[in-house]
Amino acid sequence: DRSKDIIISGGENISSVEVENILYQHPAILEVSVVARPDEQWGESPCAFVTLKPAVKETDQQQVAEDIMKFSRSKMPRYWVPKSVFFGPLPKTATGKIQKHLLRAKAKEMGPLKKSRL
């Protein structure tokens, strides 16, 4: 269902697939899945679940997350930029397809992003 691939943030429709396609251009990213996360200010905001390439795993994840955000800001509209980035293996089906419904549930369980002054 492609309607689940749309994130509505502050009244703007964001295609999670388009955000993923841009993020795949980042040299440290092996796999990525972007889903909606509840957001107190915007309703929903993009949340990226990332598997890093093996050579990158030893580096500081906080630094890599900041680098991904900087990369995102240079490649996409500001409201598309994921406000949360989480690292780890992505859940997959037996055929290797990423199980986005599990990631959506995980993002929802994390609770809404709190309003900030930034």
PDB file of N, CA and C in Angstrom:
ATOM      1  N   ASP A   1       0.845  -1.186   0.000  1.00  0.00           N
ATOM      2  CA  ASP A   1       0.000   0.000   0.000  1.00  0.00           C
ATOM      3  C   ASP A   1       0.886   1.243   0.000  1.00  0.00           C
ATOM      4  N   ARG A   2       0.885   1.941  -1.120  1.00  0.00           N
ATOM      5  CA  ARG A   2       1.754   3.109  -1.279  1.00  0.00           C
ATOM      6  C   ARG A   2       1.344   4.284  -0.400  1.00  0.00           C
ATOM      7  N   SER A   3       0.098   4.333   0.051  1.00  0.00           N
ATOM      8  CA  SER A   3      -0.321   5.445   0.912  1.00  0.00           C
ATOM      9  C   SER A   3       0.439   5.424   2.235  1.00  0.00           C
ATOM     10  N   LYS A   4       0.896   4.253   2.649  1.00  0.00           N
ATOM     11  CA  LYS A   4       1.676   4.150   3.885  1.00  0.00           C
ATOM     12  C   LYS A   4       3.099   4.665   3.688  1.00  0.00           C
ATOM     13  N   ASP A   5       3.513   4.848   2.428  1.00  0.00           N
ATOM     14  CA  ASP A   5       4.842   5.382   2.140  1.00  0.00           C
ATOM     15  C   ASP A   5       4.854   6.904   2.148  1.00  0.00           C
ATOM     16  N   ILE A   6       3.692   7.520   2.425  1.00  0.00           N
ATOM     17  CA  ILE A   6       3.595   8.980   2.495  1.00  0.00           C
ATOM     18  C   ILE A   6       3.633   9.415   3.958  1.00  0.00           C
ATOM     19  N   ILE A   7       4.503  10.376   4.239  1.00  0.00           N
ATOM     20  CA  ILE A   7       4.605  10.974   5.572  1.00  0.00           C
ATOM     21  C   ILE A   7       4.015  12.372   5.453  1.00  0.00           C
ATOM     22  N   ILE A   8       3.073  12.707   6.328  1.00  0.00           N
ATOM     23  CA  ILE A   8       2.457  14.034   6.290  1.00  0.00           C
ATOM     24  C   ILE A   8       3.031  14.845   7.443  1.00  0.00           C
ATOM     25  N   SER A   9       3.877  15.803   7.088  1.00  0.00           N
ATOM     26  CA  SER A   9       4.585  16.609   8.080  1.00  0.00           C
ATOM     27  C   SER A   9       4.229  18.078   7.882  1.00  0.00           C
ATOM     28  N   GLY A  10       3.515  18.641   8.848  1.00  0.00           N
ATOM     29  CA  GLY A  10       3.124  20.042   8.747  1.00  0.00           C
ATOM     30  C   GLY A  10       2.282  20.326   7.520  1.00  0.00           C
ATOM     31  N   GLY A  11       1.471  19.362   7.101  1.00  0.00           N
ATOM     32  CA  GLY A  11       0.614  19.535   5.931  1.00  0.00           C
ATOM     33  C   GLY A  11       1.292  19.213   4.608  1.00  0.00           C
ATOM     34  N   GLU A  12       2.575  18.926   4.633  1.00  0.00           N
ATOM     35  CA  GLU A  12       3.321  18.585   3.414  1.00  0.00           C
ATOM     36  C   GLU A  12       3.409  17.068   3.274  1.00  0.00           C
ATOM     37  N   ASN A  13       3.180  16.578   2.065  1.00  0.00           N
ATOM     38  CA  ASN A  13       3.321  15.149   1.800  1.00  0.00           C
ATOM     39  C   ASN A  13       4.767  14.843   1.421  1.00  0.00           C
ATOM     40  N   ILE A  14       5.339  13.856   2.091  1.00  0.00           N
ATOM     41  CA  ILE A  14       6.717  13.449   1.844  1.00  0.00           C
ATOM     42  C   ILE A  14       6.703  11.979   1.436  1.00  0.00           C
ATOM     43  N   SER A  15       7.326  11.673   0.311  1.00  0.00           N
ATOM     44  CA  SER A  15       7.448  10.280  -0.119  1.00  0.00           C
ATOM     45  C   SER A  15       8.649   9.648   0.575  1.00  0.00           C
ATOM     46  N   SER A  16       8.387   8.651   1.409  1.00  0.00           N
ATOM     47  CA  SER A  16       9.497   7.984   2.102  1.00  0.00           C
ATOM     48  C   SER A  16      10.430   7.312   1.094  1.00  0.00           C
ATOM     49  N   VAL A  17       9.886   6.851  -0.022  1.00  0.00           N
ATOM     50  CA  VAL A  17      10.696   6.193  -1.051  1.00  0.00           C
ATOM     51  C   VAL A  17      11.680   7.188  -1.671  1.00  0.00           C
ATOM     52  N   GLU A  18      11.227   8.425  -1.927  1.00  0.00           N
ATOM     53  CA  GLU A  18      12.129   9.442  -2.482  1.00  0.00           C
ATOM     54  C   GLU A  18      13.237   9.795  -1.498  1.00  0.00           C
ATOM     55  N   VAL A  19      12.889   9.912  -0.216  1.00  0.00           N
ATOM     56  CA  VAL A  19      13.896  10.212   0.806  1.00  0.00           C
ATOM     57  C   VAL A  19      14.909   9.065   0.871  1.00  0.00           C
ATOM     58  N   GLU A  20      14.422   7.829   0.836  1.00  0.00           N
ATOM     59  CA  GLU A  20      15.317   6.663   0.855  1.00  0.00           C
ATOM     60  C   GLU A  20      16.267   6.679  -0.340  1.00  0.00           C
ATOM     61  N   ASN A  21      15.732   6.992  -1.528  1.00  0.00           N
ATOM     62  CA  ASN A  21      16.567   7.010  -2.735  1.00  0.00           C
ATOM     63  C   ASN A  21      17.711   8.010  -2.609  1.00  0.00           C
ATOM     64  N   ILE A  22      17.449   9.151  -1.988  1.00  0.00           N
ATOM     65  CA  ILE A  22      18.507  10.145  -1.771  1.00  0.00           C
ATOM     66  C   ILE A  22      19.496   9.633  -0.726  1.00  0.00           C
ATOM     67  N   LEU A  23      18.983   9.069   0.369  1.00  0.00           N
ATOM     68  CA  LEU A  23      19.866   8.584   1.433  1.00  0.00           C
ATOM     69  C   LEU A  23      20.777   7.452   0.957  1.00  0.00           C
ATOM     70  N   TYR A  24      20.300   6.647  -0.001  1.00  0.00           N
ATOM     71  CA  TYR A  24      21.136   5.562  -0.533  1.00  0.00           C
ATOM     72  C   TYR A  24      22.393   6.102  -1.222  1.00  0.00           C
ATOM     73  N   GLN A  25      22.408   7.388  -1.563  1.00  0.00           N
ATOM     74  CA  GLN A  25      23.587   7.998  -2.185  1.00  0.00           C
ATOM     75  C   GLN A  25      24.690   8.282  -1.159  1.00  0.00           C
ATOM     76  N   HIS A  26      24.354   8.233   0.129  1.00  0.00           N
ATOM     77  CA  HIS A  26      25.355   8.502   1.170  1.00  0.00           C
ATOM     78  C   HIS A  26      26.346   7.340   1.212  1.00  0.00           C
ATOM     79  N   PRO A  27      27.645   7.628   1.233  1.00  0.00           N
ATOM     80  CA  PRO A  27      28.647   6.555   1.147  1.00  0.00           C
ATOM     81  C   PRO A  27      28.683   5.583   2.327  1.00  0.00           C
ATOM     82  N   ALA A  28      28.134   5.943   3.477  1.00  0.00           N
ATOM     83  CA  ALA A  28      28.183   5.052   4.646  1.00  0.00           C
ATOM     84  C   ALA A  28      26.976   4.125   4.738  1.00  0.00           C
ATOM     85  N   ILE A  29      25.931   4.392   3.941  1.00  0.00           N
ATOM     86  CA  ILE A  29      24.666   3.658   4.077  1.00  0.00           C
ATOM     87  C   ILE A  29      24.631   2.421   3.187  1.00  0.00           C
ATOM     88  N   LEU A  30      24.401   1.276   3.821  1.00  0.00           N
ATOM     89  CA  LEU A  30      24.206   0.021   3.101  1.00  0.00           C
ATOM     90  C   LEU A  30      22.723  -0.158   2.795  1.00  0.00           C
ATOM     91  N   GLU A  31      21.881   0.006   3.826  1.00  0.00           N
ATOM     92  CA  GLU A  31      20.427  -0.113   3.673  1.00  0.00           C
ATOM     93  C   GLU A  31      19.757   0.978   4.491  1.00  0.00           C
ATOM     94  N   VAL A  32      18.595   1.418   4.006  1.00  0.00           N
ATOM     95  CA  VAL A  32      17.849   2.441   4.742  1.00  0.00           C
ATOM     96  C   VAL A  32      16.358   2.246   4.507  1.00  0.00           C
ATOM     97  N   SER A  33      15.589   2.557   5.530  1.00  0.00           N
ATOM     98  CA  SER A  33      14.137   2.570   5.425  1.00  0.00           C
ATOM     99  C   SER A  33      13.645   3.791   6.192  1.00  0.00           C
ATOM    100  N   VAL A  34      12.787   4.577   5.553  1.00  0.00           N
ATOM    101  CA  VAL A  34      12.261   5.796   6.169  1.00  0.00           C
ATOM    102  C   VAL A  34      10.771   5.611   6.419  1.00  0.00           C
ATOM    103  N   VAL A  35      10.350   5.898   7.646  1.00  0.00           N
ATOM    104  CA  VAL A  35       8.943   5.779   8.034  1.00  0.00           C
ATOM    105  C   VAL A  35       8.530   7.032   8.802  1.00  0.00           C
ATOM    106  N   ALA A  36       7.228   7.162   9.032  1.00  0.00           N
ATOM    107  CA  ALA A  36       6.707   8.289   9.808  1.00  0.00           C
ATOM    108  C   ALA A  36       6.881   8.022  11.294  1.00  0.00           C
ATOM    109  N   ARG A  37       7.291   9.065  12.017  1.00  0.00           N
ATOM    110  CA  ARG A  37       7.334   9.010  13.478  1.00  0.00           C
ATOM    111  C   ARG A  37       6.447  10.139  13.983  1.00  0.00           C
ATOM    112  N   PRO A  38       5.615   9.878  14.992  1.00  0.00           N
ATOM    113  CA  PRO A  38       4.784  10.956  15.534  1.00  0.00           C
ATOM    114  C   PRO A  38       5.657  12.143  15.958  1.00  0.00           C
ATOM    115  N   ASP A  39       5.137  13.350  15.726  1.00  0.00           N
ATOM    116  CA  ASP A  39       5.877  14.569  16.048  1.00  0.00           C
ATOM    117  C   ASP A  39       4.899  15.575  16.635  1.00  0.00           C
ATOM    118  N   GLU A  40       5.192  16.071  17.838  1.00  0.00           N
ATOM    119  CA  GLU A  40       4.273  16.997  18.513  1.00  0.00           C
ATOM    120  C   GLU A  40       4.016  18.263  17.708  1.00  0.00           C
ATOM    121  N   GLN A  41       5.033  18.747  17.010  1.00  0.00           N
ATOM    122  CA  GLN A  41       4.878  20.002  16.278  1.00  0.00           C
ATOM    123  C   GLN A  41       4.316  19.806  14.877  1.00  0.00           C
ATOM    124  N   TRP A  42       4.776  18.791  14.163  1.00  0.00           N
ATOM    125  CA  TRP A  42       4.440  18.636  12.749  1.00  0.00           C
ATOM    126  C   TRP A  42       3.455  17.505  12.456  1.00  0.00           C
ATOM    127  N   GLY A  43       3.005  16.781  13.447  1.00  0.00           N
ATOM    128  CA  GLY A  43       2.099  15.644  13.216  1.00  0.00           C
ATOM    129  C   GLY A  43       2.898  14.371  13.000  1.00  0.00           C
ATOM    130  N   GLU A  44       3.697  14.367  11.939  1.00  0.00           N
ATOM    131  CA  GLU A  44       4.615  13.264  11.651  1.00  0.00           C
ATOM    132  C   GLU A  44       5.926  13.870  11.161  1.00  0.00           C
ATOM    133  N   SER A  45       7.000  13.128  11.334  1.00  0.00           N
ATOM    134  CA  SER A  45       8.280  13.544  10.758  1.00  0.00           C
ATOM    135  C   SER A  45       9.012  12.300  10.274  1.00  0.00           C
ATOM    136  N   PRO A  46       9.883  12.462   9.265  1.00  0.00           N
ATOM    137  CA  PRO A  46      10.627  11.316   8.755  1.00  0.00           C
ATOM    138  C   PRO A  46      11.595  10.753   9.796  1.00  0.00           C
ATOM    139  N   CYS A  47      11.629   9.432   9.869  1.00  0.00           N
ATOM    140  CA  CYS A  47      12.508   8.711  10.789  1.00  0.00           C
ATOM    141  C   CYS A  47      13.246   7.661   9.952  1.00  0.00           C
ATOM    142  N   ALA A  48      14.581   7.693   9.975  1.00  0.00           N
ATOM    143  CA  ALA A  48      15.376   6.776   9.156  1.00  0.00           C
ATOM    144  C   ALA A  48      15.976   5.662  10.006  1.00  0.00           C
ATOM    145  N   PHE A  49      15.788   4.442   9.540  1.00  0.00           N
ATOM    146  CA  PHE A  49      16.444   3.277  10.124  1.00  0.00           C
ATOM    147  C   PHE A  49      17.539   2.874   9.138  1.00  0.00           C
ATOM    148  N   VAL A  50      18.772   2.818   9.617  1.00  0.00           N
ATOM    149  CA  VAL A  50      19.932   2.680   8.738  1.00  0.00           C
ATOM    150  C   VAL A  50      20.801   1.491   9.134  1.00  0.00           C
ATOM    151  N   THR A  51      21.223   0.726   8.123  1.00  0.00           N
ATOM    152  CA  THR A  51      22.278  -0.263   8.298  1.00  0.00           C
ATOM    153  C   THR A  51      23.500   0.316   7.598  1.00  0.00           C
ATOM    154  N   LEU A  52      24.578   0.454   8.356  1.00  0.00           N
ATOM    155  CA  LEU A  52      25.805   1.014   7.798  1.00  0.00           C
ATOM    156  C   LEU A  52      26.604  -0.054   7.062  1.00  0.00           C
ATOM    157  N   LYS A  53      27.426   0.390   6.114  1.00  0.00           N
ATOM    158  CA  LYS A  53      28.332  -0.527   5.429  1.00  0.00           C
ATOM    159  C   LYS A  53      29.326  -1.070   6.458  1.00  0.00           C
ATOM    160  N   PRO A  54      29.771  -2.321   6.291  1.00  0.00           N
ATOM    161  CA  PRO A  54      30.656  -2.945   7.285  1.00  0.00           C
ATOM    162  C   PRO A  54      31.886  -2.111   7.646  1.00  0.00           C
ATOM    163  N   ALA A  55      32.484  -1.438   6.705  1.00  0.00           N
ATOM    164  CA  ALA A  55      33.690  -0.646   6.975  1.00  0.00           C
ATOM    165  C   ALA A  55      33.407   0.553   7.877  1.00  0.00           C
ATOM    166  N   VAL A  56      32.148   0.958   7.971  1.00  0.00           N
ATOM    167  CA  VAL A  56      31.783   2.165   8.716  1.00  0.00           C
ATOM    168  C   VAL A  56      31.379   1.850  10.149  1.00  0.00           C
ATOM    169  N   LYS A  57      31.036   0.602  10.441  1.00  0.00           N
ATOM    170  CA  LYS A  57      30.479   0.243  11.752  1.00  0.00           C
ATOM    171  C   LYS A  57      31.361   0.622  12.932  1.00  0.00           C
ATOM    172  N   GLU A  58      32.654   0.690  12.734  1.00  0.00           N
ATOM    173  CA  GLU A  58      33.565   0.986  13.838  1.00  0.00           C
ATOM    174  C   GLU A  58      33.555   2.467  14.224  1.00  0.00           C
ATOM    175  N   THR A  59      33.044   3.300  13.349  1.00  0.00           N
ATOM    176  CA  THR A  59      33.064   4.738  13.626  1.00  0.00           C
ATOM    177  C   THR A  59      31.973   5.121  14.616  1.00  0.00           C
ATOM    178  N   ASP A  60      32.061   6.324  15.103  1.00  0.00           N
ATOM    179  CA  ASP A  60      31.105   6.851  16.073  1.00  0.00           C
ATOM    180  C   ASP A  60      29.745   7.077  15.408  1.00  0.00           C
ATOM    181  N   GLN A  61      28.716   6.405  15.916  1.00  0.00           N
ATOM    182  CA  GLN A  61      27.391   6.509  15.309  1.00  0.00           C
ATOM    183  C   GLN A  61      26.826   7.920  15.386  1.00  0.00           C
ATOM    184  N   GLN A  62      27.104   8.635  16.463  1.00  0.00           N
ATOM    185  CA  GLN A  62      26.615  10.008  16.585  1.00  0.00           C
ATOM    186  C   GLN A  62      27.189  10.869  15.459  1.00  0.00           C
ATOM    187  N   GLN A  63      28.471  10.686  15.168  1.00  0.00           N
ATOM    188  CA  GLN A  63      29.114  11.449  14.093  1.00  0.00           C
ATOM    189  C   GLN A  63      28.513  11.074  12.741  1.00  0.00           C
ATOM    190  N   VAL A  64      28.283   9.780  12.527  1.00  0.00           N
ATOM    191  CA  VAL A  64      27.692   9.323  11.270  1.00  0.00           C
ATOM    192  C   VAL A  64      26.276   9.880  11.131  1.00  0.00           C
ATOM    193  N   ALA A  65      25.495   9.880  12.215  1.00  0.00           N
ATOM    194  CA  ALA A  65      24.133  10.433  12.181  1.00  0.00           C
ATOM    195  C   ALA A  65      24.173  11.908  11.796  1.00  0.00           C
ATOM    196  N   GLU A  66      25.100  12.662  12.382  1.00  0.00           N
ATOM    197  CA  GLU A  66      25.230  14.084  12.048  1.00  0.00           C
ATOM    198  C   GLU A  66      25.624  14.264  10.589  1.00  0.00           C
ATOM    199  N   ASP A  67      26.512  13.392  10.099  1.00  0.00           N
ATOM    200  CA  ASP A  67      26.943  13.454   8.707  1.00  0.00           C
ATOM    201  C   ASP A  67      25.771  13.151   7.767  1.00  0.00           C
ATOM    202  N   ILE A  68      24.941  12.177   8.139  1.00  0.00           N
ATOM    203  CA  ILE A  68      23.764  11.836   7.327  1.00  0.00           C
ATOM    204  C   ILE A  68      22.798  13.023   7.291  1.00  0.00           C
ATOM    205  N   MET A  69      22.608  13.690   8.430  1.00  0.00           N
ATOM    206  CA  MET A  69      21.718  14.858   8.482  1.00  0.00           C
ATOM    207  C   MET A  69      22.264  15.985   7.600  1.00  0.00           C
ATOM    208  N   LYS A  70      23.561  16.234   7.685  1.00  0.00           N
ATOM    209  CA  LYS A  70      24.194  17.287   6.878  1.00  0.00           C
ATOM    210  C   LYS A  70      24.048  16.960   5.392  1.00  0.00           C
ATOM    211  N   PHE A  71      24.314  15.702   5.032  1.00  0.00           N
ATOM    212  CA  PHE A  71      24.164  15.237   3.660  1.00  0.00           C
ATOM    213  C   PHE A  71      22.722  15.444   3.196  1.00  0.00           C
ATOM    214  N   SER A  72      21.765  15.067   4.050  1.00  0.00           N
ATOM    215  CA  SER A  72      20.343  15.191   3.721  1.00  0.00           C
ATOM    216  C   SER A  72      19.958  16.643   3.469  1.00  0.00           C
ATOM    217  N   ARG A  73      20.415  17.540   4.337  1.00  0.00           N
ATOM    218  CA  ARG A  73      20.081  18.960   4.178  1.00  0.00           C
ATOM    219  C   ARG A  73      20.611  19.530   2.864  1.00  0.00           C
ATOM    220  N   SER A  74      21.712  18.964   2.359  1.00  0.00           N
ATOM    221  CA  SER A  74      22.279  19.460   1.100  1.00  0.00           C
ATOM    222  C   SER A  74      21.585  18.874  -0.127  1.00  0.00           C
ATOM    223  N   LYS A  75      20.803  17.811   0.052  1.00  0.00           N
ATOM    224  CA  LYS A  75      20.228  17.090  -1.090  1.00  0.00           C
ATOM    225  C   LYS A  75      18.702  17.146  -1.197  1.00  0.00           C
ATOM    226  N   MET A  76      18.019  17.585  -0.129  1.00  0.00           N
ATOM    227  CA  MET A  76      16.551  17.525  -0.140  1.00  0.00           C
ATOM    228  C   MET A  76      15.962  18.711   0.613  1.00  0.00           C
ATOM    229  N   PRO A  77      14.664  18.971   0.383  1.00  0.00           N
ATOM    230  CA  PRO A  77      14.016  20.061   1.133  1.00  0.00           C
ATOM    231  C   PRO A  77      14.122  19.814   2.636  1.00  0.00           C
ATOM    232  N   ARG A  78      14.185  20.886   3.388  1.00  0.00           N
ATOM    233  CA  ARG A  78      14.394  20.794   4.841  1.00  0.00           C
ATOM    234  C   ARG A  78      13.367  19.886   5.529  1.00  0.00           C
ATOM    235  N   TYR A  79      12.099  19.979   5.115  1.00  0.00           N
ATOM    236  CA  TYR A  79      11.061  19.188   5.785  1.00  0.00           C
ATOM    237  C   TYR A  79      11.142  17.698   5.446  1.00  0.00           C
ATOM    238  N   TRP A  80      11.946  17.324   4.448  1.00  0.00           N
ATOM    239  CA  TRP A  80      12.160  15.914   4.119  1.00  0.00           C
ATOM    240  C   TRP A  80      13.233  15.282   4.995  1.00  0.00           C
ATOM    241  N   VAL A  81      14.127  16.090   5.548  1.00  0.00           N
ATOM    242  CA  VAL A  81      15.283  15.578   6.287  1.00  0.00           C
ATOM    243  C   VAL A  81      14.817  14.780   7.509  1.00  0.00           C
ATOM    244  N   PRO A  82      15.273  13.521   7.651  1.00  0.00           N
ATOM    245  CA  PRO A  82      14.883  12.734   8.824  1.00  0.00           C
ATOM    246  C   PRO A  82      15.277  13.449  10.117  1.00  0.00           C
ATOM    247  N   LYS A  83      14.330  13.513  11.039  1.00  0.00           N
ATOM    248  CA  LYS A  83      14.600  14.160  12.325  1.00  0.00           C
ATOM    249  C   LYS A  83      15.168  13.153  13.331  1.00  0.00           C
ATOM    250  N   SER A  84      15.067  11.863  13.010  1.00  0.00           N
ATOM    251  CA  SER A  84      15.629  10.799  13.851  1.00  0.00           C
ATOM    252  C   SER A  84      16.337   9.799  12.945  1.00  0.00           C
ATOM    253  N   VAL A  85      17.496   9.322  13.399  1.00  0.00           N
ATOM    254  CA  VAL A  85      18.247   8.295  12.673  1.00  0.00           C
ATOM    255  C   VAL A  85      18.631   7.210  13.681  1.00  0.00           C
ATOM    256  N   PHE A  86      18.288   5.961  13.354  1.00  0.00           N
ATOM    257  CA  PHE A  86      18.608   4.824  14.216  1.00  0.00           C
ATOM    258  C   PHE A  86      19.405   3.808  13.409  1.00  0.00           C
ATOM    259  N   PHE A  87      20.382   3.187  14.060  1.00  0.00           N
ATOM    260  CA  PHE A  87      21.265   2.243  13.390  1.00  0.00           C
ATOM    261  C   PHE A  87      21.008   0.817  13.854  1.00  0.00           C
ATOM    262  N   GLY A  88      21.190  -0.115  12.919  1.00  0.00           N
ATOM    263  CA  GLY A  88      21.054  -1.524  13.242  1.00  0.00           C
ATOM    264  C   GLY A  88      20.542  -2.287  12.038  1.00  0.00           C
ATOM    265  N   PRO A  89      20.481  -3.607  12.158  1.00  0.00           N
ATOM    266  CA  PRO A  89      19.955  -4.412  11.049  1.00  0.00           C
ATOM    267  C   PRO A  89      18.460  -4.153  10.868  1.00  0.00           C
ATOM    268  N   LEU A  90      18.012  -4.146   9.618  1.00  0.00           N
ATOM    269  CA  LEU A  90      16.598  -3.919   9.324  1.00  0.00           C
ATOM    270  C   LEU A  90      15.865  -5.258   9.282  1.00  0.00           C
ATOM    271  N   PRO A  91      14.637  -5.308   9.820  1.00  0.00           N
ATOM    272  CA  PRO A  91      13.869  -6.565   9.775  1.00  0.00           C
ATOM    273  C   PRO A  91      13.468  -6.881   8.334  1.00  0.00           C
ATOM    274  N   LYS A  92      13.623  -8.156   7.959  1.00  0.00           N
ATOM    275  CA  LYS A  92      13.326  -8.550   6.580  1.00  0.00           C
ATOM    276  C   LYS A  92      12.488  -9.819   6.535  1.00  0.00           C
ATOM    277  N   THR A  93      11.807  -9.980   5.416  1.00  0.00           N
ATOM    278  CA  THR A  93      11.059 -11.210   5.163  1.00  0.00           C
ATOM    279  C   THR A  93      12.054 -12.292   4.741  1.00  0.00           C
ATOM    280  N   ALA A  94      11.559 -13.503   4.569  1.00  0.00           N
ATOM    281  CA  ALA A  94      12.409 -14.611   4.136  1.00  0.00           C
ATOM    282  C   ALA A  94      13.015 -14.347   2.755  1.00  0.00           C
ATOM    283  N   THR A  95      12.338 -13.518   1.956  1.00  0.00           N
ATOM    284  CA  THR A  95      12.842 -13.206   0.616  1.00  0.00           C
ATOM    285  C   THR A  95      13.731 -11.965   0.599  1.00  0.00           C
ATOM    286  N   GLY A  96      13.984 -11.384   1.764  1.00  0.00           N
ATOM    287  CA  GLY A  96      14.907 -10.258   1.851  1.00  0.00           C
ATOM    288  C   GLY A  96      14.289  -8.878   1.736  1.00  0.00           C
ATOM    289  N   LYS A  97      12.960  -8.803   1.712  1.00  0.00           N
ATOM    290  CA  LYS A  97      12.296  -7.500   1.623  1.00  0.00           C
ATOM    291  C   LYS A  97      12.214  -6.866   3.022  1.00  0.00           C
ATOM    292  N   ILE A  98      12.517  -5.563   3.094  1.00  0.00           N
ATOM    293  CA  ILE A  98      12.462  -4.856   4.379  1.00  0.00           C
ATOM    294  C   ILE A  98      11.014  -4.796   4.861  1.00  0.00           C
ATOM    295  N   GLN A  99      10.800  -5.144   6.120  1.00  0.00           N
ATOM    296  CA  GLN A  99       9.455  -5.147   6.709  1.00  0.00           C
ATOM    297  C   GLN A  99       9.164  -3.774   7.326  1.00  0.00           C
ATOM    298  N   LYS A 100       8.685  -2.875   6.465  1.00  0.00           N
ATOM    299  CA  LYS A 100       8.438  -1.502   6.913  1.00  0.00           C
ATOM    300  C   LYS A 100       7.369  -1.426   7.992  1.00  0.00           C
ATOM    301  N   HIS A 101       6.413  -2.345   7.964  1.00  0.00           N
ATOM    302  CA  HIS A 101       5.348  -2.276   8.973  1.00  0.00           C
ATOM    303  C   HIS A 101       5.922  -2.442  10.385  1.00  0.00           C
ATOM    304  N   LEU A 102       6.962  -3.249  10.527  1.00  0.00           N
ATOM    305  CA  LEU A 102       7.601  -3.411  11.839  1.00  0.00           C
ATOM    306  C   LEU A 102       8.343  -2.137  12.244  1.00  0.00           C
ATOM    307  N   LEU A 103       8.954  -1.478  11.269  1.00  0.00           N
ATOM    308  CA  LEU A 103       9.660  -0.224  11.558  1.00  0.00           C
ATOM    309  C   LEU A 103       8.673   0.894  11.893  1.00  0.00           C
ATOM    310  N   ARG A 104       7.515   0.900  11.199  1.00  0.00           N
ATOM    311  CA  ARG A 104       6.475   1.896  11.529  1.00  0.00           C
ATOM    312  C   ARG A 104       6.016   1.719  12.974  1.00  0.00           C
ATOM    313  N   ALA A 105       5.815   0.456  13.370  1.00  0.00           N
ATOM    314  CA  ALA A 105       5.378   0.169  14.742  1.00  0.00           C
ATOM    315  C   ALA A 105       6.452   0.586  15.745  1.00  0.00           C
ATOM    316  N   LYS A 106       7.710   0.337  15.418  1.00  0.00           N
ATOM    317  CA  LYS A 106       8.815   0.713  16.306  1.00  0.00           C
ATOM    318  C   LYS A 106       8.886   2.239  16.455  1.00  0.00           C
ATOM    319  N   ALA A 107       8.727   2.958  15.352  1.00  0.00           N
ATOM    320  CA  ALA A 107       8.759   4.427  15.394  1.00  0.00           C
ATOM    321  C   ALA A 107       7.605   4.963  16.229  1.00  0.00           C
ATOM    322  N   LYS A 108       6.449   4.327  16.105  1.00  0.00           N
ATOM    323  CA  LYS A 108       5.281   4.755  16.881  1.00  0.00           C
ATOM    324  C   LYS A 108       5.500   4.491  18.370  1.00  0.00           C
ATOM    325  N   GLU A 109       6.086   3.330  18.688  1.00  0.00           N
ATOM    326  CA  GLU A 109       6.376   2.971  20.089  1.00  0.00           C
ATOM    327  C   GLU A 109       7.343   3.952  20.745  1.00  0.00           C
ATOM    328  N   MET A 110       8.246   4.520  19.962  1.00  0.00           N
ATOM    329  CA  MET A 110       9.219   5.473  20.503  1.00  0.00           C
ATOM    330  C   MET A 110       8.546   6.738  21.019  1.00  0.00           C
ATOM    331  N   GLY A 111       7.325   6.940  20.573  1.00  0.00           N
ATOM    332  CA  GLY A 111       6.606   8.131  21.011  1.00  0.00           C
ATOM    333  C   GLY A 111       6.943   9.327  20.143  1.00  0.00           C
ATOM    334  N   PRO A 112       6.192  10.399  20.344  1.00  0.00           N
ATOM    335  CA  PRO A 112       6.385  11.571  19.494  1.00  0.00           C
ATOM    336  C   PRO A 112       7.669  12.324  19.818  1.00  0.00           C
ATOM    337  N   LEU A 113       8.216  12.914  18.773  1.00  0.00           N
ATOM    338  CA  LEU A 113       9.323  13.843  18.979  1.00  0.00           C
ATOM    339  C   LEU A 113       8.753  15.057  19.683  1.00  0.00           C
ATOM    340  N   LYS A 114       9.461  15.544  20.660  1.00  0.00           N
ATOM    341  CA  LYS A 114       8.991  16.705  21.424  1.00  0.00           C
ATOM    342  C   LYS A 114       9.272  17.991  20.658  1.00  0.00           C
ATOM    343  N   LYS A 115       8.451  18.993  20.915  1.00  0.00           N
ATOM    344  CA  LYS A 115       8.684  20.303  20.304  1.00  0.00           C
ATOM    345  C   LYS A 115      10.030  20.837  20.762  1.00  0.00           C
ATOM    346  N   SER A 116      10.702  21.484  19.850  1.00  0.00           N
ATOM    347  CA  SER A 116      11.962  22.129  20.225  1.00  0.00           C
ATOM    348  C   SER A 116      11.961  23.547  19.676  1.00  0.00           C
ATOM    349  N   ARG A 117      12.851  24.339  20.154  1.00  0.00           N
ATOM    350  CA  ARG A 117      12.938  25.723  19.695  1.00  0.00           C
ATOM    351  C   ARG A 117      13.808  25.853  18.462  1.00  0.00           C
ATOM    352  N   LEU A 118      14.400  24.765  18.015  1.00  0.00           N
ATOM    353  CA  LEU A 118      15.292  24.819  16.862  1.00  0.00           C
ATOM    354  C   LEU A 118      14.521  24.911  15.573  1.00  0.00           C
TER     355      LEU A 118
END
